[in-house]
PDB file of N, CA and C in Angstrom:
ATOM      1  N   MET A   1     -14.492   7.635   7.347  1.00  0.00           N
ATOM      2  CA  MET A   1     -13.099   8.063   7.313  1.00  0.00           C
ATOM      3  C   MET A   1     -12.212   6.862   7.002  1.00  0.00           C
ATOM      4  N   ALA A   2     -11.372   7.014   6.014  1.00  0.00           N
ATOM      5  CA  ALA A   2     -10.444   5.952   5.624  1.00  0.00           C
ATOM      6  C   ALA A   2      -9.044   6.268   6.134  1.00  0.00           C
ATOM      7  N   ARG A   3      -8.303   5.212   6.408  1.00  0.00           N
ATOM      8  CA  ARG A   3      -6.872   5.344   6.696  1.00  0.00           C
ATOM      9  C   ARG A   3      -6.166   5.206   5.352  1.00  0.00           C
ATOM     10  N   VAL A   4      -5.478   6.275   4.939  1.00  0.00           N
ATOM     11  CA  VAL A   4      -4.870   6.345   3.613  1.00  0.00           C
ATOM     12  C   VAL A   4      -3.360   6.436   3.732  1.00  0.00           C
ATOM     13  N   LEU A   5      -2.664   5.585   2.991  1.00  0.00           N
ATOM     14  CA  LEU A   5      -1.217   5.683   2.857  1.00  0.00           C
ATOM     15  C   LEU A   5      -0.946   6.376   1.529  1.00  0.00           C
ATOM     16  N   LEU A   6      -0.347   7.553   1.576  1.00  0.00           N
ATOM     17  CA  LEU A   6      -0.066   8.361   0.395  1.00  0.00           C
ATOM     18  C   LEU A   6       1.434   8.341   0.131  1.00  0.00           C
ATOM     19  N   VAL A   7       1.835   7.869  -1.048  1.00  0.00           N
ATOM     20  CA  VAL A   7       3.248   7.753  -1.399  1.00  0.00           C
ATOM     21  C   VAL A   7       3.539   8.627  -2.610  1.00  0.00           C
ATOM     22  N   ASP A   8       4.369   9.656  -2.399  1.00  0.00           N
ATOM     23  CA  ASP A   8       4.767  10.549  -3.487  1.00  0.00           C
ATOM     24  C   ASP A   8       6.105  11.167  -3.120  1.00  0.00           C
ATOM     25  N   ASP A   9       7.033  11.193  -4.073  1.00  0.00           N
ATOM     26  CA  ASP A   9       8.360  11.742  -3.794  1.00  0.00           C
ATOM     27  C   ASP A   9       8.387  13.261  -3.834  1.00  0.00           C
ATOM     28  N   ASP A  10       7.401  13.893  -4.443  1.00  0.00           N
ATOM     29  CA  ASP A  10       7.339  15.354  -4.536  1.00  0.00           C
ATOM     30  C   ASP A  10       6.661  15.902  -3.281  1.00  0.00           C
ATOM     31  N   ALA A  11       7.420  16.601  -2.445  1.00  0.00           N
ATOM     32  CA  ALA A  11       6.915  17.066  -1.154  1.00  0.00           C
ATOM     33  C   ALA A  11       5.704  17.980  -1.300  1.00  0.00           C
ATOM     34  N   GLU A  12       5.720  18.858  -2.291  1.00  0.00           N
ATOM     35  CA  GLU A  12       4.604  19.792  -2.463  1.00  0.00           C
ATOM     36  C   GLU A  12       3.322  19.058  -2.856  1.00  0.00           C
ATOM     37  N   ILE A  13       3.433  18.147  -3.796  1.00  0.00           N
ATOM     38  CA  ILE A  13       2.265  17.369  -4.218  1.00  0.00           C
ATOM     39  C   ILE A  13       1.776  16.492  -3.071  1.00  0.00           C
ATOM     40  N   ARG A  14       2.712  15.859  -2.370  1.00  0.00           N
ATOM     41  CA  ARG A  14       2.359  14.997  -1.242  1.00  0.00           C
ATOM     42  C   ARG A  14       1.593  15.787  -0.183  1.00  0.00           C
ATOM     43  N   GLU A  15       2.096  16.968   0.166  1.00  0.00           N
ATOM     44  CA  GLU A  15       1.461  17.781   1.195  1.00  0.00           C
ATOM     45  C   GLU A  15       0.089  18.289   0.746  1.00  0.00           C
ATOM     46  N   THR A  16       0.009  18.788  -0.483  1.00  0.00           N
ATOM     47  CA  THR A  16      -1.261  19.303  -1.004  1.00  0.00           C
ATOM     48  C   THR A  16      -2.316  18.202  -1.053  1.00  0.00           C
ATOM     49  N   THR A  17      -1.919  17.051  -1.550  1.00  0.00           N
ATOM     50  CA  THR A  17      -2.854  15.930  -1.648  1.00  0.00           C
ATOM     51  C   THR A  17      -3.277  15.463  -0.263  1.00  0.00           C
ATOM     52  N   ALA A  18      -2.338  15.362   0.663  1.00  0.00           N
ATOM     53  CA  ALA A  18      -2.660  14.933   2.026  1.00  0.00           C
ATOM     54  C   ALA A  18      -3.644  15.892   2.683  1.00  0.00           C
ATOM     55  N   ILE A  19      -3.409  17.182   2.533  1.00  0.00           N
ATOM     56  CA  ILE A  19      -4.303  18.178   3.133  1.00  0.00           C
ATOM     57  C   ILE A  19      -5.712  18.042   2.558  1.00  0.00           C
ATOM     58  N   ARG A  20      -5.804  17.875   1.243  1.00  0.00           N
ATOM     59  CA  ARG A  20      -7.127  17.745   0.619  1.00  0.00           C
ATOM     60  C   ARG A  20      -7.848  16.501   1.114  1.00  0.00           C
ATOM     61  N   LEU A  21      -7.127  15.411   1.263  1.00  0.00           N
ATOM     62  CA  LEU A  21      -7.748  14.181   1.768  1.00  0.00           C
ATOM     63  C   LEU A  21      -8.144  14.327   3.235  1.00  0.00           C
ATOM     64  N   GLN A  22      -7.333  15.030   4.016  1.00  0.00           N
ATOM     65  CA  GLN A  22      -7.665  15.259   5.425  1.00  0.00           C
ATOM     66  C   GLN A  22      -8.903  16.140   5.543  1.00  0.00           C
ATOM     67  N   ILE A  23      -8.999  17.168   4.715  1.00  0.00           N
ATOM     68  CA  ILE A  23     -10.193  18.016   4.708  1.00  0.00           C
ATOM     69  C   ILE A  23     -11.421  17.169   4.367  1.00  0.00           C
ATOM     70  N   GLY A  24     -11.226  16.169   3.519  1.00  0.00           N
ATOM     71  CA  GLY A  24     -12.301  15.257   3.156  1.00  0.00           C
ATOM     72  C   GLY A  24     -12.630  14.250   4.241  1.00  0.00           C
ATOM     73  N   GLY A  25     -11.935  14.315   5.368  1.00  0.00           N
ATOM     74  CA  GLY A  25     -12.260  13.466   6.505  1.00  0.00           C
ATOM     75  C   GLY A  25     -11.420  12.216   6.663  1.00  0.00           C
ATOM     76  N   HIS A  26     -10.365  12.094   5.891  1.00  0.00           N
ATOM     77  CA  HIS A  26      -9.549  10.878   5.962  1.00  0.00           C
ATOM     78  C   HIS A  26      -8.306  11.078   6.825  1.00  0.00           C
ATOM     79  N   HIS A  27      -7.855   9.985   7.414  1.00  0.00           N
ATOM     80  CA  HIS A  27      -6.607   9.976   8.174  1.00  0.00           C
ATOM     81  C   HIS A  27      -5.501   9.584   7.197  1.00  0.00           C
ATOM     82  N   VAL A  28      -4.553  10.486   6.969  1.00  0.00           N
ATOM     83  CA  VAL A  28      -3.532  10.276   5.942  1.00  0.00           C
ATOM     84  C   VAL A  28      -2.153  10.156   6.573  1.00  0.00           C
ATOM     85  N   ILE A  29      -1.449   9.114   6.193  1.00  0.00           N
ATOM     86  CA  ILE A  29      -0.050   8.922   6.546  1.00  0.00           C
ATOM     87  C   ILE A  29       0.725   9.008   5.231  1.00  0.00           C
ATOM     88  N   THR A  30       1.799   9.784   5.222  1.00  0.00           N
ATOM     89  CA  THR A  30       2.543   9.975   3.978  1.00  0.00           C
ATOM     90  C   THR A  30       3.905   9.294   4.029  1.00  0.00           C
ATOM     91  N   ALA A  31       4.399   9.004   2.834  1.00  0.00           N
ATOM     92  CA  ALA A  31       5.740   8.454   2.666  1.00  0.00           C
ATOM     93  C   ALA A  31       6.325   9.018   1.378  1.00  0.00           C
ATOM     94  N   ALA A  32       7.627   9.275   1.389  1.00  0.00           N
ATOM     95  CA  ALA A  32       8.289   9.868   0.224  1.00  0.00           C
ATOM     96  C   ALA A  32       8.966   8.826  -0.660  1.00  0.00           C
ATOM     97  N   THR A  33       9.219   7.643  -0.124  1.00  0.00           N
ATOM     98  CA  THR A  33       9.920   6.603  -0.880  1.00  0.00           C
ATOM     99  C   THR A  33       9.196   5.266  -0.718  1.00  0.00           C
ATOM    100  N   PRO A  34       9.433   4.355  -1.639  1.00  0.00           N
ATOM    101  CA  PRO A  34       8.833   3.028  -1.493  1.00  0.00           C
ATOM    102  C   PRO A  34       9.240   2.338  -0.184  1.00  0.00           C
ATOM    103  N   GLN A  35      10.501   2.433   0.191  1.00  0.00           N
ATOM    104  CA  GLN A  35      10.936   1.786   1.422  1.00  0.00           C
ATOM    105  C   GLN A  35      10.260   2.405   2.640  1.00  0.00           C
ATOM    106  N   GLU A  36      10.157   3.732   2.648  1.00  0.00           N
ATOM    107  CA  GLU A  36       9.459   4.403   3.747  1.00  0.00           C
ATOM    108  C   GLU A  36       7.995   3.950   3.802  1.00  0.00           C
ATOM    109  N   ALA A  37       7.364   3.797   2.651  1.00  0.00           N
ATOM    110  CA  ALA A  37       5.973   3.346   2.607  1.00  0.00           C
ATOM    111  C   ALA A  37       5.824   1.956   3.213  1.00  0.00           C
ATOM    112  N   LEU A  38       6.721   1.044   2.846  1.00  0.00           N
ATOM    113  CA  LEU A  38       6.661  -0.314   3.395  1.00  0.00           C
ATOM    114  C   LEU A  38       6.940  -0.320   4.891  1.00  0.00           C
ATOM    115  N   ASP A  39       7.893   0.503   5.331  1.00  0.00           N
ATOM    116  CA  ASP A  39       8.193   0.600   6.760  1.00  0.00           C
ATOM    117  C   ASP A  39       7.004   1.140   7.540  1.00  0.00           C
ATOM    118  N   VAL A  40       6.394   2.195   7.022  1.00  0.00           N
ATOM    119  CA  VAL A  40       5.229   2.799   7.678  1.00  0.00           C
ATOM    120  C   VAL A  40       4.084   1.797   7.726  1.00  0.00           C
ATOM    121  N   ALA A  41       3.831   1.121   6.615  1.00  0.00           N
ATOM    122  CA  ALA A  41       2.728   0.170   6.552  1.00  0.00           C
ATOM    123  C   ALA A  41       2.925  -0.996   7.515  1.00  0.00           C
ATOM    124  N   SER A  42       4.163  -1.385   7.721  1.00  0.00           N
ATOM    125  CA  SER A  42       4.448  -2.500   8.622  1.00  0.00           C
ATOM    126  C   SER A  42       4.273  -2.121  10.085  1.00  0.00           C
ATOM    127  N   GLY A  43       4.440  -0.831  10.383  1.00  0.00           N
ATOM    128  CA  GLY A  43       4.373  -0.391  11.771  1.00  0.00           C
ATOM    129  C   GLY A  43       3.072   0.276  12.157  1.00  0.00           C
ATOM    130  N   GLN A  44       2.098   0.307  11.272  1.00  0.00           N
ATOM    131  CA  GLN A  44       0.835   0.999  11.509  1.00  0.00           C
ATOM    132  C   GLN A  44      -0.328   0.005  11.469  1.00  0.00           C
ATOM    133  N   PRO A  45      -1.467   0.409  12.029  1.00  0.00           N
ATOM    134  CA  PRO A  45      -2.675  -0.396  11.801  1.00  0.00           C
ATOM    135  C   PRO A  45      -2.979  -0.439  10.305  1.00  0.00           C
ATOM    136  N   HIS A  46      -3.781  -1.383   9.910  1.00  0.00           N
ATOM    137  CA  HIS A  46      -4.110  -1.627   8.509  1.00  0.00           C
ATOM    138  C   HIS A  46      -4.631  -0.367   7.805  1.00  0.00           C
ATOM    139  N   PHE A  47      -4.165  -0.149   6.573  1.00  0.00           N
ATOM    140  CA  PHE A  47      -4.656   0.960   5.761  1.00  0.00           C
ATOM    141  C   PHE A  47      -5.860   0.502   4.943  1.00  0.00           C
ATOM    142  N   ASP A  48      -6.800   1.418   4.714  1.00  0.00           N
ATOM    143  CA  ASP A  48      -7.972   1.128   3.896  1.00  0.00           C
ATOM    144  C   ASP A  48      -7.669   1.264   2.415  1.00  0.00           C
ATOM    145  N   VAL A  49      -6.730   2.136   2.074  1.00  0.00           N
ATOM    146  CA  VAL A  49      -6.352   2.354   0.678  1.00  0.00           C
ATOM    147  C   VAL A  49      -4.960   2.975   0.632  1.00  0.00           C
ATOM    148  N   ALA A  50      -4.214   2.648  -0.416  1.00  0.00           N
ATOM    149  CA  ALA A  50      -2.908   3.265  -0.653  1.00  0.00           C
ATOM    150  C   ALA A  50      -2.981   4.046  -1.958  1.00  0.00           C
ATOM    151  N   VAL A  51      -2.456   5.267  -1.931  1.00  0.00           N
ATOM    152  CA  VAL A  51      -2.393   6.110  -3.115  1.00  0.00           C
ATOM    153  C   VAL A  51      -0.923   6.203  -3.496  1.00  0.00           C
ATOM    154  N   LEU A  52      -0.578   5.651  -4.659  1.00  0.00           N
ATOM    155  CA  LEU A  52       0.812   5.547  -5.068  1.00  0.00           C
ATOM    156  C   LEU A  52       1.095   6.412  -6.287  1.00  0.00           C
ATOM    157  N   ASP A  53       2.175   7.161  -6.228  1.00  0.00           N
ATOM    158  CA  ASP A  53       2.653   7.922  -7.383  1.00  0.00           C
ATOM    159  C   ASP A  53       3.160   6.936  -8.434  1.00  0.00           C
ATOM    160  N   LEU A  54       2.813   7.191  -9.674  1.00  0.00           N
ATOM    161  CA  LEU A  54       3.286   6.333 -10.765  1.00  0.00           C
ATOM    162  C   LEU A  54       4.753   6.543 -11.092  1.00  0.00           C
ATOM    163  N   HIS A  55       5.290   7.711 -10.768  1.00  0.00           N
ATOM    164  CA  HIS A  55       6.631   8.080 -11.228  1.00  0.00           C
ATOM    165  C   HIS A  55       7.563   8.393 -10.068  1.00  0.00           C
ATOM    166  N   LEU A  56       7.881   7.380  -9.307  1.00  0.00           N
ATOM    167  CA  LEU A  56       8.856   7.540  -8.229  1.00  0.00           C
ATOM    168  C   LEU A  56      10.261   7.289  -8.774  1.00  0.00           C
ATOM    169  N   PRO A  57      11.255   7.949  -8.199  1.00  0.00           N
ATOM    170  CA  PRO A  57      12.631   7.689  -8.647  1.00  0.00           C
ATOM    171  C   PRO A  57      13.040   6.244  -8.342  1.00  0.00           C
ATOM    172  N   ARG A  58      13.667   5.611  -9.271  1.00  0.00           N
ATOM    173  CA  ARG A  58      14.227   4.263  -9.142  1.00  0.00           C
ATOM    174  C   ARG A  58      13.192   3.140  -9.071  1.00  0.00           C
ATOM    175  N   VAL A  59      11.919   3.460  -8.808  1.00  0.00           N
ATOM    176  CA  VAL A  59      10.879   2.438  -8.739  1.00  0.00           C
ATOM    177  C   VAL A  59       9.617   3.025  -9.370  1.00  0.00           C
ATOM    178  N   ASP A  60       9.069   2.336 -10.377  1.00  0.00           N
ATOM    179  CA  ASP A  60       7.827   2.860 -10.945  1.00  0.00           C
ATOM    180  C   ASP A  60       6.630   2.283 -10.190  1.00  0.00           C
ATOM    181  N   GLY A  61       5.457   2.734 -10.552  1.00  0.00           N
ATOM    182  CA  GLY A  61       4.250   2.321  -9.853  1.00  0.00           C
ATOM    183  C   GLY A  61       4.023   0.824  -9.861  1.00  0.00           C
ATOM    184  N   ASP A  62       4.289   0.174 -10.991  1.00  0.00           N
ATOM    185  CA  ASP A  62       4.104  -1.276 -11.065  1.00  0.00           C
ATOM    186  C   ASP A  62       5.051  -2.020 -10.132  1.00  0.00           C
ATOM    187  N   GLU A  63       6.287  -1.572 -10.068  1.00  0.00           N
ATOM    188  CA  GLU A  63       7.253  -2.212  -9.165  1.00  0.00           C
ATOM    189  C   GLU A  63       6.834  -2.021  -7.707  1.00  0.00           C
ATOM    190  N   LEU A  64       6.365  -0.817  -7.386  1.00  0.00           N
ATOM    191  CA  LEU A  64       5.917  -0.560  -6.016  1.00  0.00           C
ATOM    192  C   LEU A  64       4.688  -1.405  -5.697  1.00  0.00           C
ATOM    193  N   LEU A  65       3.790  -1.550  -6.649  1.00  0.00           N
ATOM    194  CA  LEU A  65       2.626  -2.412  -6.430  1.00  0.00           C
ATOM    195  C   LEU A  65       3.076  -3.844  -6.136  1.00  0.00           C
ATOM    196  N   ASN A  66       4.061  -4.343  -6.873  1.00  0.00           N
ATOM    197  CA  ASN A  66       4.580  -5.687  -6.608  1.00  0.00           C
ATOM    198  C   ASN A  66       5.169  -5.796  -5.208  1.00  0.00           C
ATOM    199  N   LEU A  67       5.869  -4.757  -4.775  1.00  0.00           N
ATOM    200  CA  LEU A  67       6.401  -4.741  -3.410  1.00  0.00           C
ATOM    201  C   LEU A  67       5.267  -4.760  -2.388  1.00  0.00           C
ATOM    202  N   PHE A  68       4.221  -3.998  -2.659  1.00  0.00           N
ATOM    203  CA  PHE A  68       3.068  -3.969  -1.757  1.00  0.00           C
ATOM    204  C   PHE A  68       2.398  -5.339  -1.694  1.00  0.00           C
ATOM    205  N   ARG A  69       2.216  -5.966  -2.844  1.00  0.00           N
ATOM    206  CA  ARG A  69       1.541  -7.265  -2.864  1.00  0.00           C
ATOM    207  C   ARG A  69       2.384  -8.353  -2.203  1.00  0.00           C
ATOM    208  N   GLY A  70       3.688  -8.170  -2.167  1.00  0.00           N
ATOM    209  CA  GLY A  70       4.565  -9.140  -1.523  1.00  0.00           C
ATOM    210  C   GLY A  70       4.784  -8.887  -0.043  1.00  0.00           C
ATOM    211  N   ASN A  71       4.194  -7.825   0.482  1.00  0.00           N
ATOM    212  CA  ASN A  71       4.356  -7.466   1.888  1.00  0.00           C
ATOM    213  C   ASN A  71       3.060  -7.791   2.628  1.00  0.00           C
ATOM    214  N   GLN A  72       3.164  -8.544   3.715  1.00  0.00           N
ATOM    215  CA  GLN A  72       1.980  -8.980   4.449  1.00  0.00           C
ATOM    216  C   GLN A  72       1.113  -7.803   4.923  1.00  0.00           C
ATOM    217  N   ALA A  73       1.726  -6.697   5.306  1.00  0.00           N
ATOM    218  CA  ALA A  73       0.976  -5.558   5.830  1.00  0.00           C
ATOM    219  C   ALA A  73       0.177  -4.826   4.750  1.00  0.00           C
ATOM    220  N   THR A  74       0.568  -4.962   3.484  1.00  0.00           N
ATOM    221  CA  THR A  74      -0.085  -4.204   2.417  1.00  0.00           C
ATOM    222  C   THR A  74      -0.649  -5.088   1.301  1.00  0.00           C
ATOM    223  N   ALA A  75      -0.547  -6.395   1.437  1.00  0.00           N
ATOM    224  CA  ALA A  75      -0.918  -7.310   0.351  1.00  0.00           C
ATOM    225  C   ALA A  75      -2.352  -7.150  -0.122  1.00  0.00           C
ATOM    226  N   ASP A  76      -3.273  -6.853   0.784  1.00  0.00           N
ATOM    227  CA  ASP A  76      -4.680  -6.775   0.385  1.00  0.00           C
ATOM    228  C   ASP A  76      -5.249  -5.356   0.396  1.00  0.00           C
ATOM    229  N   VAL A  77      -4.384  -4.356   0.486  1.00  0.00           N
ATOM    230  CA  VAL A  77      -4.833  -2.964   0.501  1.00  0.00           C
ATOM    231  C   VAL A  77      -5.152  -2.519  -0.927  1.00  0.00           C
ATOM    232  N   PRO A  78      -6.359  -1.965  -1.151  1.00  0.00           N
ATOM    233  CA  PRO A  78      -6.648  -1.423  -2.484  1.00  0.00           C
ATOM    234  C   PRO A  78      -5.660  -0.310  -2.829  1.00  0.00           C
ATOM    235  N   VAL A  79      -5.228  -0.285  -4.083  1.00  0.00           N
ATOM    236  CA  VAL A  79      -4.219   0.676  -4.521  1.00  0.00           C
ATOM    237  C   VAL A  79      -4.791   1.561  -5.619  1.00  0.00           C
ATOM    238  N   VAL A  80      -4.591   2.871  -5.455  1.00  0.00           N
ATOM    239  CA  VAL A  80      -4.935   3.842  -6.485  1.00  0.00           C
ATOM    240  C   VAL A  80      -3.625   4.423  -6.991  1.00  0.00           C
ATOM    241  N   PHE A  81      -3.368   4.288  -8.287  1.00  0.00           N
ATOM    242  CA  PHE A  81      -2.211   4.946  -8.883  1.00  0.00           C
ATOM    243  C   PHE A  81      -2.601   6.389  -9.170  1.00  0.00           C
ATOM    244  N   TYR A  82      -1.725   7.294  -8.777  1.00  0.00           N
ATOM    245  CA  TYR A  82      -2.009   8.721  -8.921  1.00  0.00           C
ATOM    246  C   TYR A  82      -0.748   9.425  -9.396  1.00  0.00           C
ATOM    247  N   SER A  83      -0.906  10.316 -10.367  1.00  0.00           N
ATOM    248  CA  SER A  83       0.237  11.090 -10.823  1.00  0.00           C
ATOM    249  C   SER A  83      -0.210  12.482 -11.220  1.00  0.00           C
ATOM    250  N   ALA A  84       0.497  13.469 -10.745  1.00  0.00           N
ATOM    251  CA  ALA A  84       0.194  14.843 -11.116  1.00  0.00           C
ATOM    252  C   ALA A  84       0.791  15.189 -12.477  1.00  0.00           C
ATOM    253  N   ASN A  85       1.612  14.306 -13.019  1.00  0.00           N
ATOM    254  CA  ASN A  85       2.336  14.623 -14.247  1.00  0.00           C
ATOM    255  C   ASN A  85       1.933  13.793 -15.461  1.00  0.00           C
ATOM    256  N   ALA A  86       1.010  12.880 -15.301  1.00  0.00           N
ATOM    257  CA  ALA A  86       0.670  11.993 -16.419  1.00  0.00           C
ATOM    258  C   ALA A  86      -0.840  11.891 -16.584  1.00  0.00           C
ATOM    259  N   PRO A  87      -1.432  12.789 -17.362  1.00  0.00           N
ATOM    260  CA  PRO A  87      -2.871  12.711 -17.547  1.00  0.00           C
ATOM    261  C   PRO A  87      -3.291  11.372 -18.132  1.00  0.00           C
ATOM    262  N   HIS A  88      -4.409  10.890 -17.664  1.00  0.00           N
ATOM    263  CA  HIS A  88      -5.021   9.648 -18.138  1.00  0.00           C
ATOM    264  C   HIS A  88      -4.194   8.409 -17.808  1.00  0.00           C
ATOM    265  N   ALA A  89      -3.198   8.538 -16.938  1.00  0.00           N
ATOM    266  CA  ALA A  89      -2.352   7.382 -16.639  1.00  0.00           C
ATOM    267  C   ALA A  89      -2.696   6.743 -15.309  1.00  0.00           C
ATOM    268  N   THR A  90      -3.793   7.169 -14.721  1.00  0.00           N
ATOM    269  CA  THR A  90      -4.125   6.699 -13.389  1.00  0.00           C
ATOM    270  C   THR A  90      -5.166   5.596 -13.443  1.00  0.00           C
ATOM    271  N   SER A  91      -5.023   4.630 -12.583  1.00  0.00           N
ATOM    272  CA  SER A  91      -5.995   3.550 -12.522  1.00  0.00           C
ATOM    273  C   SER A  91      -6.081   3.025 -11.102  1.00  0.00           C
ATOM    274  N   VAL A  92      -7.098   2.275 -10.849  1.00  0.00           N
ATOM    275  CA  VAL A  92      -7.246   1.598  -9.566  1.00  0.00           C
ATOM    276  C   VAL A  92      -6.980   0.131  -9.836  1.00  0.00           C
ATOM    277  N   HIS A  93      -5.965  -0.417  -9.187  1.00  0.00           N
ATOM    278  CA  HIS A  93      -5.572  -1.793  -9.446  1.00  0.00           C
ATOM    279  C   HIS A  93      -6.698  -2.752  -9.070  1.00  0.00           C
ATOM    280  N   GLY A  94      -7.083  -3.561 -10.002  1.00  0.00           N
ATOM    281  CA  GLY A  94      -8.070  -4.593  -9.739  1.00  0.00           C
ATOM    282  C   GLY A  94      -9.508  -4.129  -9.824  1.00  0.00           C
ATOM    283  N   LEU A  95      -9.747  -2.878 -10.118  1.00  0.00           N
ATOM    284  CA  LEU A  95     -11.109  -2.372 -10.224  1.00  0.00           C
ATOM    285  C   LEU A  95     -11.311  -1.734 -11.582  1.00  0.00           C
ATOM    286  N   SER A  96     -12.541  -1.726 -12.042  1.00  0.00           N
ATOM    287  CA  SER A  96     -12.842  -1.111 -13.324  1.00  0.00           C
ATOM    288  C   SER A  96     -13.367   0.298 -13.092  1.00  0.00           C
ATOM    289  N   LEU A  97     -12.486   1.246 -13.081  1.00  0.00           N
ATOM    290  CA  LEU A  97     -12.847   2.649 -12.928  1.00  0.00           C
ATOM    291  C   LEU A  97     -12.222   3.429 -14.071  1.00  0.00           C
ATOM    292  N   ALA A  98     -12.454   2.966 -15.282  1.00  0.00           N
ATOM    293  CA  ALA A  98     -11.788   3.537 -16.445  1.00  0.00           C
ATOM    294  C   ALA A  98     -12.111   5.007 -16.647  1.00  0.00           C
ATOM    295  N   ASP A  99     -13.261   5.461 -16.164  1.00  0.00           N
ATOM    296  CA  ASP A  99     -13.625   6.857 -16.361  1.00  0.00           C
ATOM    297  C   ASP A  99     -12.978   7.783 -15.336  1.00  0.00           C
ATOM    298  N   THR A 100     -12.357   7.230 -14.325  1.00  0.00           N
ATOM    299  CA  THR A 100     -11.731   8.050 -13.300  1.00  0.00           C
ATOM    300  C   THR A 100     -10.355   8.471 -13.767  1.00  0.00           C
ATOM    301  N   LYS A 101     -10.180   9.766 -13.950  1.00  0.00           N
ATOM    302  CA  LYS A 101      -8.887  10.305 -14.360  1.00  0.00           C
ATOM    303  C   LYS A 101      -8.427  11.250 -13.269  1.00  0.00           C
ATOM    304  N   LEU A 102      -7.331  10.921 -12.651  1.00  0.00           N
ATOM    305  CA  LEU A 102      -6.854  11.669 -11.501  1.00  0.00           C
ATOM    306  C   LEU A 102      -5.554  12.363 -11.849  1.00  0.00           C
ATOM    307  N   THR A 103      -5.630  13.623 -12.114  1.00  0.00           N
ATOM    308  CA  THR A 103      -4.444  14.403 -12.414  1.00  0.00           C
ATOM    309  C   THR A 103      -4.520  15.694 -11.634  1.00  0.00           C
ATOM    310  N   ARG A 104      -3.621  16.621 -11.875  1.00  0.00           N
ATOM    311  CA  ARG A 104      -3.548  17.811 -11.051  1.00  0.00           C
ATOM    312  C   ARG A 104      -4.788  18.679 -11.198  1.00  0.00           C
ATOM    313  N   GLY A 105      -5.041  19.507 -10.156  1.00  0.00           N
ATOM    314  CA  GLY A 105      -6.153  20.440 -10.177  1.00  0.00           C
ATOM    315  C   GLY A 105      -7.417  19.850  -9.589  1.00  0.00           C
ATOM    316  N   ARG A 106      -8.534  20.165 -10.184  1.00  0.00           N
ATOM    317  CA  ARG A 106      -9.829  19.733  -9.697  1.00  0.00           C
ATOM    318  C   ARG A 106      -9.946  18.219  -9.529  1.00  0.00           C
ATOM    319  N   PRO A 107      -9.215  17.416 -10.293  1.00  0.00           N
ATOM    320  CA  PRO A 107      -9.322  15.971 -10.125  1.00  0.00           C
ATOM    321  C   PRO A 107      -8.926  15.448  -8.738  1.00  0.00           C
ATOM    322  N   LEU A 108      -8.376  16.284  -7.873  1.00  0.00           N
ATOM    323  CA  LEU A 108      -8.204  15.837  -6.483  1.00  0.00           C
ATOM    324  C   LEU A 108      -9.554  15.450  -5.907  1.00  0.00           C
ATOM    325  N   ASN A 109     -10.615  16.104  -6.381  1.00  0.00           N
ATOM    326  CA  ASN A 109     -11.958  15.719  -5.954  1.00  0.00           C
ATOM    327  C   ASN A 109     -12.284  14.306  -6.418  1.00  0.00           C
ATOM    328  N   SER A 110     -11.808  13.935  -7.601  1.00  0.00           N
ATOM    329  CA  SER A 110     -12.015  12.570  -8.102  1.00  0.00           C
ATOM    330  C   SER A 110     -11.250  11.565  -7.252  1.00  0.00           C
ATOM    331  N   LEU A 111     -10.052  11.927  -6.830  1.00  0.00           N
ATOM    332  CA  LEU A 111      -9.285  11.050  -5.944  1.00  0.00           C
ATOM    333  C   LEU A 111     -10.046  10.850  -4.645  1.00  0.00           C
ATOM    334  N   LEU A 112     -10.566  11.917  -4.091  1.00  0.00           N
ATOM    335  CA  LEU A 112     -11.321  11.851  -2.846  1.00  0.00           C
ATOM    336  C   LEU A 112     -12.547  10.936  -3.029  1.00  0.00           C
ATOM    337  N   ALA A 113     -13.264  11.105  -4.133  1.00  0.00           N
ATOM    338  CA  ALA A 113     -14.431  10.274  -4.394  1.00  0.00           C
ATOM    339  C   ALA A 113     -14.051   8.793  -4.544  1.00  0.00           C
ATOM    340  N   THR A 114     -12.931   8.538  -5.208  1.00  0.00           N
ATOM    341  CA  THR A 114     -12.469   7.156  -5.381  1.00  0.00           C
ATOM    342  C   THR A 114     -12.137   6.522  -4.035  1.00  0.00           C
ATOM    343  N   ILE A 115     -11.437   7.259  -3.189  1.00  0.00           N
ATOM    344  CA  ILE A 115     -11.096   6.752  -1.857  1.00  0.00           C
ATOM    345  C   ILE A 115     -12.361   6.495  -1.055  1.00  0.00           C
ATOM    346  N   ASN A 116     -13.328   7.399  -1.160  1.00  0.00           N
ATOM    347  CA  ASN A 116     -14.599   7.183  -0.455  1.00  0.00           C
ATOM    348  C   ASN A 116     -15.266   5.895  -0.900  1.00  0.00           C
ATOM    349  N   CYS A 117     -15.255   5.630  -2.207  1.00  0.00           N
ATOM    350  CA  CYS A 117     -15.860   4.392  -2.733  1.00  0.00           C
ATOM    351  C   CYS A 117     -15.116   3.160  -2.257  1.00  0.00           C
ATOM    352  N   LEU A 118     -13.796   3.212  -2.274  1.00  0.00           N
ATOM    353  CA  LEU A 118     -13.004   2.037  -1.897  1.00  0.00           C
ATOM    354  C   LEU A 118     -13.062   1.732  -0.407  1.00  0.00           C
ATOM    355  N   SER A 119     -13.317   2.742   0.410  1.00  0.00           N
ATOM    356  CA  SER A 119     -13.254   2.534   1.853  1.00  0.00           C
ATOM    357  C   SER A 119     -14.619   2.237   2.480  1.00  0.00           C
ATOM    358  N   HIS A 120     -15.652   2.163   1.668  1.00  0.00           N
ATOM    359  CA  HIS A 120     -16.973   1.852   2.223  1.00  0.00           C
ATOM    360  C   HIS A 120     -17.396   0.452   1.884  1.00  0.00           C
TER     361      HIS A 120
END
C-alpha cells in the first residue's frame, strides 16, 4: 500500500481517481490546488508518490513539479503526471516509462500499476 498525494482541480476526476486507487489498496490524500497540495504534504507523513494533473489553473504540471522539488516535504517524492484531457501527455518524472499512457477510462489501471511499481 502506497501513500499517494493526488492533485487535480476537477472534483469529479479527483474523486473517481482517488476511489480507484483506494480500491487498489492505496491510502490517498487529495488536493485541488497546488498550494493545498504543498500544505497537505507539509503536514502529513511522507508520501510514496504524487499524482499531479498536468493542466491546473494558473500553474501547469512543470511549475507544480518545480514547487514540489523546492519543498522539503516533497523534494524526493516520485511524481506521475496525469491528465484526463491530454492523451499521450503523461510521464513519470525521472523514470523511463514511455509506454505508459495514462488517460481517461481503462488507463486508470495503468496509473494503478505505475504507482505499484514506484512504491515497491
